[in-house]
Amino acid sequence: MMNKDEFQGGVRYVGGKVEKTVGDTVNSRDWQVDGVVDQVAGGAQNLYGRAKSALGDAIDGAPELAERIGDEARETADRAADAARRGARTVQASAEDSPLLWALGAAAIGYGLAWLLHGRHA
């Protein structure tokens, strides 16, 4: 069964795709950027929800540990979304697209998602 974060993240991701498509169609940089930010944030929230479900299934006997890990994962997803938003605004402010900024933004998002998936190993 899908949990709240999986559902909400999926809805936000799809909404972001629609928003970006509309932005592409009407050539609106704001809509394009907002759409990409919503896709990243929605994907991160959906991934958080899936991880939370898997963790809940694996650790039925330790709900407080699962809650702490879940909270850390949500904070990481929020930080990744904020970083994507800041990066998108920086790109939007430039007169032309910079492949280096996109690559750095993608690397930051990838790092955040990898951390979310693998966590810190003690």
Protein backbone atom coordinates (compact mmCIF):
# COMPACT_ATOMS: atom_id res chain seq x y z
CA MET A 1 0.00 0.00 0.00
CA MET A 2 1.22 3.51 -0.85
CA ASN A 3 1.90 5.87 2.06
CA LYS A 4 1.14 9.60 2.20
CA ASP A 5 4.64 10.70 1.15
CA GLU A 6 4.74 8.34 -1.81
CA PHE A 7 1.38 9.63 -3.01
CA GLN A 8 2.03 13.34 -2.39
CA GLY A 9 5.51 13.10 -3.91
CA GLY A 10 4.15 11.39 -7.01
CA VAL A 11 1.44 14.02 -7.39
CA ARG A 12 3.96 16.85 -6.98
CA TYR A 13 6.31 15.22 -9.50
CA VAL A 14 3.54 14.86 -12.11
CA GLY A 15 2.37 18.41 -11.41
CA GLY A 16 5.94 19.62 -11.95
CA LYS A 17 6.12 17.82 -15.29
CA VAL A 18 2.87 19.46 -16.36
CA GLU A 19 4.09 22.86 -15.14
CA LYS A 20 7.37 22.51 -17.05
CA THR A 21 5.55 21.40 -20.20
CA VAL A 22 3.26 24.43 -19.99
CA GLY A 23 6.33 26.62 -19.44
CA ASP A 24 7.98 25.09 -22.50
CA THR A 25 4.82 25.64 -24.53
CA VAL A 26 4.34 29.30 -23.57
CA ASN A 27 8.10 29.94 -23.29
CA SER A 28 7.86 30.96 -19.62
CA ARG A 29 11.15 30.55 -17.81
CA ASP A 30 9.40 30.89 -14.41
CA TRP A 31 7.03 28.00 -15.14
CA GLN A 32 9.87 25.88 -16.50
CA VAL A 33 12.02 26.44 -13.41
CA ASP A 34 9.14 25.94 -10.99
CA GLY A 35 8.20 22.75 -12.82
CA VAL A 36 11.71 21.33 -12.53
CA VAL A 37 11.87 22.27 -8.83
CA ASP A 38 8.53 20.53 -8.20
CA GLN A 39 9.72 17.46 -10.09
CA VAL A 40 12.88 17.23 -7.97
CA ALA A 41 11.03 17.85 -4.71
CA GLY A 42 8.24 15.44 -5.65
CA GLY A 43 10.71 12.75 -6.65
CA ALA A 44 12.59 13.20 -3.39
CA GLN A 45 9.40 13.02 -1.33
CA ASN A 46 8.23 9.94 -3.23
CA LEU A 47 11.62 8.32 -2.69
CA TYR A 48 11.43 9.20 0.99
CA GLY A 49 7.99 7.57 1.17
CA ARG A 50 9.24 4.41 -0.52
CA ALA A 51 12.26 4.25 1.78
CA LYS A 52 9.99 4.81 4.77
CA SER A 53 7.75 1.94 3.66
CA ALA A 54 10.69 -0.39 3.12
CA LEU A 55 12.22 0.59 6.43
CA GLY A 56 8.90 0.12 8.20
CA ASP A 57 8.59 -3.37 6.76
CA ALA A 58 12.16 -4.26 7.74
CA ILE A 59 12.14 -2.79 11.25
CA ASP A 60 8.74 -3.50 12.74
CA GLY A 61 10.26 -3.88 16.22
CA ALA A 62 11.99 -0.48 16.34
CA PRO A 63 9.51 2.28 15.40
CA GLU A 64 11.46 5.02 17.16
CA LEU A 65 14.54 4.27 15.04
CA ALA A 66 12.44 4.27 11.89
CA GLU A 67 10.93 7.62 12.89
CA ARG A 68 14.34 9.18 13.49
CA ILE A 69 15.68 7.90 10.19
CA GLY A 70 12.52 9.08 8.46
CA ASP A 71 12.87 12.55 9.92
CA GLU A 72 16.48 12.75 8.76
CA ALA A 73 15.49 11.56 5.29
CA ARG A 74 12.73 14.18 5.07
CA GLU A 75 15.15 16.92 6.14
CA THR A 76 17.60 15.75 3.48
CA ALA A 77 14.86 15.77 0.84
CA ASP A 78 13.85 19.28 1.90
CA ARG A 79 17.48 20.45 1.71
CA ALA A 80 17.81 18.89 -1.76
CA ALA A 81 14.63 20.67 -2.90
CA ASP A 82 15.90 23.97 -1.47
CA ALA A 83 19.26 23.51 -3.19
CA ALA A 84 17.49 22.74 -6.46
CA ARG A 85 15.30 25.83 -6.03
CA ARG A 86 18.34 28.04 -5.33
CA GLY A 87 20.22 26.54 -8.25
CA ALA A 88 17.24 26.99 -10.54
CA ARG A 89 16.89 30.64 -9.54
CA THR A 90 20.59 31.18 -10.24
CA VAL A 91 20.23 29.65 -13.68
CA GLN A 92 17.10 31.67 -14.32
CA ALA A 93 18.92 34.90 -13.48
CA SER A 94 21.60 34.26 -16.09
CA ALA A 95 21.06 35.46 -19.64
CA GLU A 96 22.02 32.11 -21.12
CA ASP A 97 22.00 28.55 -19.85
CA SER A 98 25.25 27.39 -18.31
CA PRO A 99 25.91 23.66 -18.68
CA LEU A 100 28.33 23.82 -15.76
CA LEU A 101 25.63 25.12 -13.39
CA TRP A 102 23.22 22.41 -14.54
CA ALA A 103 25.90 19.76 -14.05
CA LEU A 104 26.72 21.06 -10.56
CA GLY A 105 23.01 21.16 -9.66
CA ALA A 106 22.51 17.63 -10.94
CA ALA A 107 25.57 16.47 -8.98
CA ALA A 108 24.24 18.08 -5.79
CA ILE A 109 20.84 16.47 -6.27
CA GLY A 110 22.48 13.12 -7.03
CA TYR A 111 24.59 13.38 -3.89
CA GLY A 112 21.51 14.20 -1.82
CA LEU A 113 19.56 11.28 -3.25
CA ALA A 114 22.51 8.91 -2.73
CA TRP A 115 22.78 10.06 0.88
CA LEU A 116 19.05 9.57 1.27
CA LEU A 117 19.25 6.04 -0.11
CA HIS A 118 22.41 4.92 1.63
CA GLY A 119 22.46 7.13 4.73
CA ARG A 120 25.38 7.62 7.01
CA HIS A 121 27.19 4.49 8.06
CA ALA A 122 28.35 4.52 11.65
